[in-house]
Amino acid sequence: GLAFIGPHGDERMLYAFGFSGNGMTYSPIAAIILCELVQGKTHPWLDVYRASRVPGATSLLIKGRDYAQELLRGAVDNAFHYRKK
């Protein structure tokens, strides 16, 4: 469930994504790490949040399940909303 922060592939392109609803936590962390990288420094948290890391199979399955549930919930809510009109 950790965000992905830092370069991925091209070292000149910096990313911050996968906040999973924790934007108030990961936004300042991303800002700190990315500011250090832009200044040519490294940050001790970079390895933890490395954007190029590959998530584990369990994490992918859990995220896939969560996204599928949200998609279905939205579709059902949408169907009932239009049915009432």
PDB file of N, CA and C in Angstrom:
ATOM      1  N   GLY A   1       0.773  -1.201   0.000  1.00  0.00           N
ATOM      2  CA  GLY A   1       0.000   0.000   0.000  1.00  0.00           C
ATOM      3  C   GLY A   1       0.817   1.270   0.000  1.00  0.00           C
ATOM      4  N   LEU A   2       2.125   1.186  -0.234  1.00  0.00           N
ATOM      5  CA  LEU A   2       2.954   2.393  -0.249  1.00  0.00           C
ATOM      6  C   LEU A   2       2.877   3.089  -1.598  1.00  0.00           C
ATOM      7  N   ALA A   3       3.007   4.396  -1.566  1.00  0.00           N
ATOM      8  CA  ALA A   3       3.029   5.181  -2.799  1.00  0.00           C
ATOM      9  C   ALA A   3       4.324   4.900  -3.569  1.00  0.00           C
ATOM     10  N   PHE A   4       4.301   5.257  -4.848  1.00  0.00           N
ATOM     11  CA  PHE A   4       5.473   5.136  -5.707  1.00  0.00           C
ATOM     12  C   PHE A   4       5.991   6.544  -5.962  1.00  0.00           C
ATOM     13  N   ILE A   5       7.227   6.809  -5.548  1.00  0.00           N
ATOM     14  CA  ILE A   5       7.789   8.163  -5.632  1.00  0.00           C
ATOM     15  C   ILE A   5       9.220   8.075  -6.148  1.00  0.00           C
ATOM     16  N   GLY A   6       9.536   8.918  -7.126  1.00  0.00           N
ATOM     17  CA  GLY A   6      10.904   8.992  -7.631  1.00  0.00           C
ATOM     18  C   GLY A   6      10.982   8.702  -9.108  1.00  0.00           C
ATOM     19  N   PRO A   7      12.203   8.545  -9.619  1.00  0.00           N
ATOM     20  CA  PRO A   7      12.380   8.293 -11.053  1.00  0.00           C
ATOM     21  C   PRO A   7      11.979   6.862 -11.407  1.00  0.00           C
ATOM     22  N   HIS A   8      11.571   6.692 -12.662  1.00  0.00           N
ATOM     23  CA  HIS A   8      11.267   5.361 -13.174  1.00  0.00           C
ATOM     24  C   HIS A   8      11.704   5.337 -14.629  1.00  0.00           C
ATOM     25  N   GLY A   9      12.778   4.644 -14.905  1.00  0.00           N
ATOM     26  CA  GLY A   9      13.332   4.650 -16.257  1.00  0.00           C
ATOM     27  C   GLY A   9      14.238   5.859 -16.433  1.00  0.00           C
ATOM     28  N   ASP A  10      13.734   6.889 -17.074  1.00  0.00           N
ATOM     29  CA  ASP A  10      14.499   8.120 -17.311  1.00  0.00           C
ATOM     30  C   ASP A  10      14.685   8.856 -15.979  1.00  0.00           C
ATOM     31  N   GLU A  11      15.923   9.066 -15.598  1.00  0.00           N
ATOM     32  CA  GLU A  11      16.216   9.710 -14.310  1.00  0.00           C
ATOM     33  C   GLU A  11      15.736  11.160 -14.251  1.00  0.00           C
ATOM     34  N   ARG A  12      15.455  11.761 -15.423  1.00  0.00           N
ATOM     35  CA  ARG A  12      14.994  13.154 -15.452  1.00  0.00           C
ATOM     36  C   ARG A  12      13.484  13.268 -15.259  1.00  0.00           C
ATOM     37  N   MET A  13      12.782  12.136 -15.282  1.00  0.00           N
ATOM     38  CA  MET A  13      11.331  12.131 -15.082  1.00  0.00           C
ATOM     39  C   MET A  13      11.042  11.617 -13.675  1.00  0.00           C
ATOM     40  N   LEU A  14      10.383  12.439 -12.887  1.00  0.00           N
ATOM     41  CA  LEU A  14      10.071  12.060 -11.513  1.00  0.00           C
ATOM     42  C   LEU A  14       8.568  11.827 -11.379  1.00  0.00           C
ATOM     43  N   TYR A  15       8.217  10.819 -10.632  1.00  0.00           N
ATOM     44  CA  TYR A  15       6.822  10.418 -10.487  1.00  0.00           C
ATOM     45  C   TYR A  15       6.416  10.386  -9.015  1.00  0.00           C
ATOM     46  N   ALA A  16       5.126  10.572  -8.796  1.00  0.00           N
ATOM     47  CA  ALA A  16       4.524  10.384  -7.473  1.00  0.00           C
ATOM     48  C   ALA A  16       3.101   9.912  -7.738  1.00  0.00           C
ATOM     49  N   PHE A  17       2.834   8.633  -7.479  1.00  0.00           N
ATOM     50  CA  PHE A  17       1.508   8.076  -7.746  1.00  0.00           C
ATOM     51  C   PHE A  17       1.225   6.920  -6.797  1.00  0.00           C
ATOM     52  N   GLY A  18      -0.003   6.433  -6.841  1.00  0.00           N
ATOM     53  CA  GLY A  18      -0.398   5.305  -6.007  1.00  0.00           C
ATOM     54  C   GLY A  18      -0.627   5.690  -4.561  1.00  0.00           C
ATOM     55  N   PHE A  19      -1.200   6.861  -4.344  1.00  0.00           N
ATOM     56  CA  PHE A  19      -1.403   7.332  -2.976  1.00  0.00           C
ATOM     57  C   PHE A  19      -2.530   6.577  -2.263  1.00  0.00           C
ATOM     58  N   SER A  20      -3.391   5.919  -2.997  1.00  0.00           N
ATOM     59  CA  SER A  20      -4.446   5.046  -2.447  1.00  0.00           C
ATOM     60  C   SER A  20      -5.280   5.715  -1.358  1.00  0.00           C
ATOM     61  N   GLY A  21      -5.676   6.939  -1.609  1.00  0.00           N
ATOM     62  CA  GLY A  21      -6.523   7.631  -0.636  1.00  0.00           C
ATOM     63  C   GLY A  21      -5.766   8.233   0.528  1.00  0.00           C
ATOM     64  N   ASN A  22      -4.454   8.194   0.480  1.00  0.00           N
ATOM     65  CA  ASN A  22      -3.631   8.738   1.559  1.00  0.00           C
ATOM     66  C   ASN A  22      -2.839   9.950   1.091  1.00  0.00           C
ATOM     67  N   GLY A  23      -3.478  10.790   0.304  1.00  0.00           N
ATOM     68  CA  GLY A  23      -2.804  11.942  -0.270  1.00  0.00           C
ATOM     69  C   GLY A  23      -2.269  12.924   0.753  1.00  0.00           C
ATOM     70  N   MET A  24      -2.969  13.074   1.869  1.00  0.00           N
ATOM     71  CA  MET A  24      -2.504  14.004   2.903  1.00  0.00           C
ATOM     72  C   MET A  24      -1.211  13.507   3.561  1.00  0.00           C
ATOM     73  N   THR A  25      -0.977  12.218   3.500  1.00  0.00           N
ATOM     74  CA  THR A  25       0.254  11.656   4.049  1.00  0.00           C
ATOM     75  C   THR A  25       1.350  11.619   2.999  1.00  0.00           C
ATOM     76  N   TYR A  26       1.019  11.081   1.811  1.00  0.00           N
ATOM     77  CA  TYR A  26       2.045  10.865   0.797  1.00  0.00           C
ATOM     78  C   TYR A  26       2.442  12.126   0.037  1.00  0.00           C
ATOM     79  N   SER A  27       1.586  13.127  -0.032  1.00  0.00           N
ATOM     80  CA  SER A  27       1.952  14.358  -0.744  1.00  0.00           C
ATOM     81  C   SER A  27       3.171  15.045  -0.122  1.00  0.00           C
ATOM     82  N   PRO A  28       3.201  15.267   1.187  1.00  0.00           N
ATOM     83  CA  PRO A  28       4.399  15.892   1.758  1.00  0.00           C
ATOM     84  C   PRO A  28       5.633  14.991   1.670  1.00  0.00           C
ATOM     85  N   ILE A  29       5.428  13.677   1.779  1.00  0.00           N
ATOM     86  CA  ILE A  29       6.567  12.759   1.644  1.00  0.00           C
ATOM     87  C   ILE A  29       7.134  12.864   0.236  1.00  0.00           C
ATOM     88  N   ALA A  30       6.238  12.876  -0.765  1.00  0.00           N
ATOM     89  CA  ALA A  30       6.670  13.009  -2.156  1.00  0.00           C
ATOM     90  C   ALA A  30       7.395  14.335  -2.366  1.00  0.00           C
ATOM     91  N   ALA A  31       6.865  15.405  -1.796  1.00  0.00           N
ATOM     92  CA  ALA A  31       7.491  16.722  -1.951  1.00  0.00           C
ATOM     93  C   ALA A  31       8.904  16.724  -1.367  1.00  0.00           C
ATOM     94  N   ILE A  32       9.078  16.136  -0.220  1.00  0.00           N
ATOM     95  CA  ILE A  32      10.392  16.085   0.423  1.00  0.00           C
ATOM     96  C   ILE A  32      11.371  15.285  -0.436  1.00  0.00           C
ATOM     97  N   ILE A  33      10.959  14.093  -0.850  1.00  0.00           N
ATOM     98  CA  ILE A  33      11.845  13.229  -1.633  1.00  0.00           C
ATOM     99  C   ILE A  33      12.176  13.860  -2.982  1.00  0.00           C
ATOM    100  N   LEU A  34      11.160  14.375  -3.680  1.00  0.00           N
ATOM    101  CA  LEU A  34      11.381  14.934  -5.015  1.00  0.00           C
ATOM    102  C   LEU A  34      12.228  16.205  -4.961  1.00  0.00           C
ATOM    103  N   CYS A  35      12.037  17.023  -3.939  1.00  0.00           N
ATOM    104  CA  CYS A  35      12.884  18.222  -3.783  1.00  0.00           C
ATOM    105  C   CYS A  35      14.347  17.838  -3.619  1.00  0.00           C
ATOM    106  N   GLU A  36      14.606  16.819  -2.843  1.00  0.00           N
ATOM    107  CA  GLU A  36      15.990  16.352  -2.658  1.00  0.00           C
ATOM    108  C   GLU A  36      16.564  15.861  -3.981  1.00  0.00           C
ATOM    109  N   LEU A  37      15.778  15.107  -4.749  1.00  0.00           N
ATOM    110  CA  LEU A  37      16.259  14.574  -6.019  1.00  0.00           C
ATOM    111  C   LEU A  37      16.539  15.683  -7.025  1.00  0.00           C
ATOM    112  N   VAL A  38      15.671  16.692  -7.076  1.00  0.00           N
ATOM    113  CA  VAL A  38      15.867  17.813  -7.998  1.00  0.00           C
ATOM    114  C   VAL A  38      17.160  18.559  -7.663  1.00  0.00           C
ATOM    115  N   GLN A  39      17.506  18.606  -6.394  1.00  0.00           N
ATOM    116  CA  GLN A  39      18.734  19.285  -5.961  1.00  0.00           C
ATOM    117  C   GLN A  39      19.974  18.407  -6.115  1.00  0.00           C
ATOM    118  N   GLY A  40      19.795  17.207  -6.661  1.00  0.00           N
ATOM    119  CA  GLY A  40      20.926  16.308  -6.873  1.00  0.00           C
ATOM    120  C   GLY A  40      21.333  15.519  -5.655  1.00  0.00           C
ATOM    121  N   LYS A  41      20.506  15.532  -4.633  1.00  0.00           N
ATOM    122  CA  LYS A  41      20.787  14.801  -3.401  1.00  0.00           C
ATOM    123  C   LYS A  41      20.026  13.482  -3.421  1.00  0.00           C
ATOM    124  N   THR A  42      20.293  12.643  -2.452  1.00  0.00           N
ATOM    125  CA  THR A  42      19.497  11.428  -2.267  1.00  0.00           C
ATOM    126  C   THR A  42      18.767  11.547  -0.943  1.00  0.00           C
ATOM    127  N   HIS A  43      17.750  10.748  -0.776  1.00  0.00           N
ATOM    128  CA  HIS A  43      16.984  10.782   0.462  1.00  0.00           C
ATOM    129  C   HIS A  43      16.893   9.362   1.000  1.00  0.00           C
ATOM    130  N   PRO A  44      17.006   9.169   2.314  1.00  0.00           N
ATOM    131  CA  PRO A  44      16.981   7.817   2.873  1.00  0.00           C
ATOM    132  C   PRO A  44      15.665   7.073   2.624  1.00  0.00           C
ATOM    133  N   TRP A  45      14.576   7.781   2.378  1.00  0.00           N
ATOM    134  CA  TRP A  45      13.287   7.127   2.138  1.00  0.00           C
ATOM    135  C   TRP A  45      13.109   6.702   0.688  1.00  0.00           C
ATOM    136  N   LEU A  46      14.012   7.109  -0.193  1.00  0.00           N
ATOM    137  CA  LEU A  46      13.858   6.840  -1.619  1.00  0.00           C
ATOM    138  C   LEU A  46      13.739   5.348  -1.909  1.00  0.00           C
ATOM    139  N   ASP A  47      14.517   4.528  -1.249  1.00  0.00           N
ATOM    140  CA  ASP A  47      14.440   3.080  -1.494  1.00  0.00           C
ATOM    141  C   ASP A  47      13.091   2.502  -1.085  1.00  0.00           C
ATOM    142  N   VAL A  48      12.512   3.037  -0.039  1.00  0.00           N
ATOM    143  CA  VAL A  48      11.212   2.537   0.429  1.00  0.00           C
ATOM    144  C   VAL A  48      10.107   2.850  -0.576  1.00  0.00           C
ATOM    145  N   TYR A  49      10.103   4.058  -1.126  1.00  0.00           N
ATOM    146  CA  TYR A  49       9.039   4.516  -2.023  1.00  0.00           C
ATOM    147  C   TYR A  49       9.422   4.441  -3.505  1.00  0.00           C
ATOM    148  N   ARG A  50      10.549   3.849  -3.837  1.00  0.00           N
ATOM    149  CA  ARG A  50      11.086   3.798  -5.197  1.00  0.00           C
ATOM    150  C   ARG A  50       9.981   3.508  -6.231  1.00  0.00           C
ATOM    151  N   ALA A  51       9.843   4.385  -7.228  1.00  0.00           N
ATOM    152  CA  ALA A  51       8.788   4.253  -8.236  1.00  0.00           C
ATOM    153  C   ALA A  51       9.001   3.054  -9.141  1.00  0.00           C
ATOM    154  N   SER A  52      10.221   2.591  -9.267  1.00  0.00           N
ATOM    155  CA  SER A  52      10.497   1.478 -10.166  1.00  0.00           C
ATOM    156  C   SER A  52      10.336   0.112  -9.505  1.00  0.00           C
ATOM    157  N   ARG A  53       9.950   0.084  -8.232  1.00  0.00           N
ATOM    158  CA  ARG A  53       9.803  -1.210  -7.576  1.00  0.00           C
ATOM    159  C   ARG A  53       8.582  -1.941  -8.143  1.00  0.00           C
ATOM    160  N   VAL A  54       8.603  -3.238  -8.051  1.00  0.00           N
ATOM    161  CA  VAL A  54       7.506  -4.063  -8.554  1.00  0.00           C
ATOM    162  C   VAL A  54       6.671  -4.512  -7.354  1.00  0.00           C
ATOM    163  N   PRO A  55       5.374  -4.185  -7.355  1.00  0.00           N
ATOM    164  CA  PRO A  55       4.544  -4.615  -6.227  1.00  0.00           C
ATOM    165  C   PRO A  55       4.385  -6.127  -6.215  1.00  0.00           C
ATOM    166  N   GLY A  56       4.202  -6.673  -5.043  1.00  0.00           N
ATOM    167  CA  GLY A  56       4.026  -8.113  -4.896  1.00  0.00           C
ATOM    168  C   GLY A  56       2.670  -8.577  -5.410  1.00  0.00           C
ATOM    169  N   ALA A  57       2.561  -9.866  -5.654  1.00  0.00           N
ATOM    170  CA  ALA A  57       1.325 -10.440  -6.183  1.00  0.00           C
ATOM    171  C   ALA A  57       0.154 -10.219  -5.225  1.00  0.00           C
ATOM    172  N   THR A  58       0.395 -10.356  -3.929  1.00  0.00           N
ATOM    173  CA  THR A  58      -0.675 -10.160  -2.951  1.00  0.00           C
ATOM    174  C   THR A  58      -1.207  -8.742  -3.019  1.00  0.00           C
ATOM    175  N   SER A  59      -0.304  -7.781  -3.091  1.00  0.00           N
ATOM    176  CA  SER A  59      -0.710  -6.380  -3.177  1.00  0.00           C
ATOM    177  C   SER A  59      -1.532  -6.131  -4.434  1.00  0.00           C
ATOM    178  N   LEU A  60      -1.095  -6.699  -5.559  1.00  0.00           N
ATOM    179  CA  LEU A  60      -1.839  -6.522  -6.810  1.00  0.00           C
ATOM    180  C   LEU A  60      -3.230  -7.141  -6.738  1.00  0.00           C
ATOM    181  N   LEU A  61      -3.340  -8.307  -6.115  1.00  0.00           N
ATOM    182  CA  LEU A  61      -4.649  -8.956  -5.979  1.00  0.00           C
ATOM    183  C   LEU A  61      -5.584  -8.139  -5.094  1.00  0.00           C
ATOM    184  N   ILE A  62      -5.061  -7.627  -4.006  1.00  0.00           N
ATOM    185  CA  ILE A  62      -5.886  -6.827  -3.098  1.00  0.00           C
ATOM    186  C   ILE A  62      -6.346  -5.555  -3.792  1.00  0.00           C
ATOM    187  N   LYS A  63      -5.435  -4.864  -4.491  1.00  0.00           N
ATOM    188  CA  LYS A  63      -5.806  -3.637  -5.209  1.00  0.00           C
ATOM    189  C   LYS A  63      -6.826  -3.941  -6.299  1.00  0.00           C
ATOM    190  N   GLY A  64      -6.618  -5.037  -7.022  1.00  0.00           N
ATOM    191  CA  GLY A  64      -7.566  -5.427  -8.067  1.00  0.00           C
ATOM    192  C   GLY A  64      -8.947  -5.683  -7.504  1.00  0.00           C
ATOM    193  N   ARG A  65      -9.004  -6.357  -6.368  1.00  0.00           N
ATOM    194  CA  ARG A  65     -10.290  -6.608  -5.707  1.00  0.00           C
ATOM    195  C   ARG A  65     -10.943  -5.296  -5.278  1.00  0.00           C
ATOM    196  N   ASP A  66     -10.158  -4.415  -4.693  1.00  0.00           N
ATOM    197  CA  ASP A  66     -10.697  -3.132  -4.242  1.00  0.00           C
ATOM    198  C   ASP A  66     -11.241  -2.313  -5.406  1.00  0.00           C
ATOM    199  N   TYR A  67     -10.489  -2.260  -6.507  1.00  0.00           N
ATOM    200  CA  TYR A  67     -10.941  -1.490  -7.671  1.00  0.00           C
ATOM    201  C   TYR A  67     -12.205  -2.102  -8.271  1.00  0.00           C
ATOM    202  N   ALA A  68     -12.255  -3.440  -8.338  1.00  0.00           N
ATOM    203  CA  ALA A  68     -13.442  -4.110  -8.876  1.00  0.00           C
ATOM    204  C   ALA A  68     -14.675  -3.817  -8.014  1.00  0.00           C
ATOM    205  N   GLN A  69     -14.510  -3.837  -6.702  1.00  0.00           N
ATOM    206  CA  GLN A  69     -15.626  -3.525  -5.800  1.00  0.00           C
ATOM    207  C   GLN A  69     -16.119  -2.105  -6.011  1.00  0.00           C
ATOM    208  N   GLU A  70     -15.200  -1.159  -6.136  1.00  0.00           N
ATOM    209  CA  GLU A  70     -15.591   0.234  -6.351  1.00  0.00           C
ATOM    210  C   GLU A  70     -16.281   0.409  -7.697  1.00  0.00           C
ATOM    211  N   LEU A  71     -15.784  -0.266  -8.715  1.00  0.00           N
ATOM    212  CA  LEU A  71     -16.405  -0.194 -10.039  1.00  0.00           C
ATOM    213  C   LEU A  71     -17.827  -0.734  -9.998  1.00  0.00           C
ATOM    214  N   LEU A  72     -18.011  -1.896  -9.375  1.00  0.00           N
ATOM    215  CA  LEU A  72     -19.350  -2.476  -9.277  1.00  0.00           C
ATOM    216  C   LEU A  72     -20.273  -1.616  -8.433  1.00  0.00           C
ATOM    217  N   ARG A  73     -19.762  -1.095  -7.332  1.00  0.00           N
ATOM    218  CA  ARG A  73     -20.579  -0.237  -6.467  1.00  0.00           C
ATOM    219  C   ARG A  73     -21.043   0.990  -7.251  1.00  0.00           C
ATOM    220  N   GLY A  74     -20.154   1.584  -8.014  1.00  0.00           N
ATOM    221  CA  GLY A  74     -20.513   2.750  -8.824  1.00  0.00           C
ATOM    222  C   GLY A  74     -21.525   2.404  -9.894  1.00  0.00           C
ATOM    223  N   ALA A  75     -21.345   1.250 -10.538  1.00  0.00           N
ATOM    224  CA  ALA A  75     -22.281   0.837 -11.584  1.00  0.00           C
ATOM    225  C   ALA A  75     -23.670   0.585 -11.013  1.00  0.00           C
ATOM    226  N   VAL A  76     -23.742  -0.075  -9.856  1.00  0.00           N
ATOM    227  CA  VAL A  76     -25.035  -0.360  -9.225  1.00  0.00           C
ATOM    228  C   VAL A  76     -25.694   0.936  -8.768  1.00  0.00           C
ATOM    229  N   ASP A  77     -24.937   1.800  -8.120  1.00  0.00           N
ATOM    230  CA  ASP A  77     -25.490   3.089  -7.677  1.00  0.00           C
ATOM    231  C   ASP A  77     -25.992   3.897  -8.863  1.00  0.00           C
ATOM    232  N   ASN A  78     -25.248   3.882  -9.948  1.00  0.00           N
ATOM    233  CA  ASN A  78     -25.624   4.618 -11.148  1.00  0.00           C
ATOM    234  C   ASN A  78     -26.906   4.040 -11.749  1.00  0.00           C
ATOM    235  N   ALA A  79     -27.008   2.713 -11.793  1.00  0.00           N
ATOM    236  CA  ALA A  79     -28.195   2.067 -12.354  1.00  0.00           C
ATOM    237  C   ALA A  79     -29.430   2.412 -11.537  1.00  0.00           C
ATOM    238  N   PHE A  80     -29.349   2.380 -10.212  1.00  0.00           N
ATOM    239  CA  PHE A  80     -30.495   2.719  -9.373  1.00  0.00           C
ATOM    240  C   PHE A  80     -30.842   4.197  -9.469  1.00  0.00           C
ATOM    241  N   HIS A  81     -29.826   5.042  -9.621  1.00  0.00           N
ATOM    242  CA  HIS A  81     -30.066   6.480  -9.735  1.00  0.00           C
ATOM    243  C   HIS A  81     -30.887   6.786 -10.972  1.00  0.00           C
ATOM    244  N   TYR A  82     -30.527   6.182 -12.102  1.00  0.00           N
ATOM    245  CA  TYR A  82     -31.252   6.451 -13.347  1.00  0.00           C
ATOM    246  C   TYR A  82     -32.599   5.750 -13.399  1.00  0.00           C
ATOM    247  N   ARG A  83     -32.736   4.675 -12.662  1.00  0.00           N
ATOM    248  CA  ARG A  83     -34.007   3.942 -12.618  1.00  0.00           C
ATOM    249  C   ARG A  83     -35.087   4.769 -11.921  1.00  0.00           C
ATOM    250  N   LYS A  84     -34.680   5.565 -10.920  1.00  0.00           N
ATOM    251  CA  LYS A  84     -35.627   6.371 -10.149  1.00  0.00           C
ATOM    252  C   LYS A  84     -36.192   7.521 -10.980  1.00  0.00           C
ATOM    253  N   LYS A  85     -35.473   7.966 -11.996  1.00  0.00           N
ATOM    254  CA  LYS A  85     -35.912   9.119 -12.794  1.00  0.00           C
ATOM    255  C   LYS A  85     -36.985   8.771 -13.715  1.00  0.00           C
TER     256      LYS A  85
END
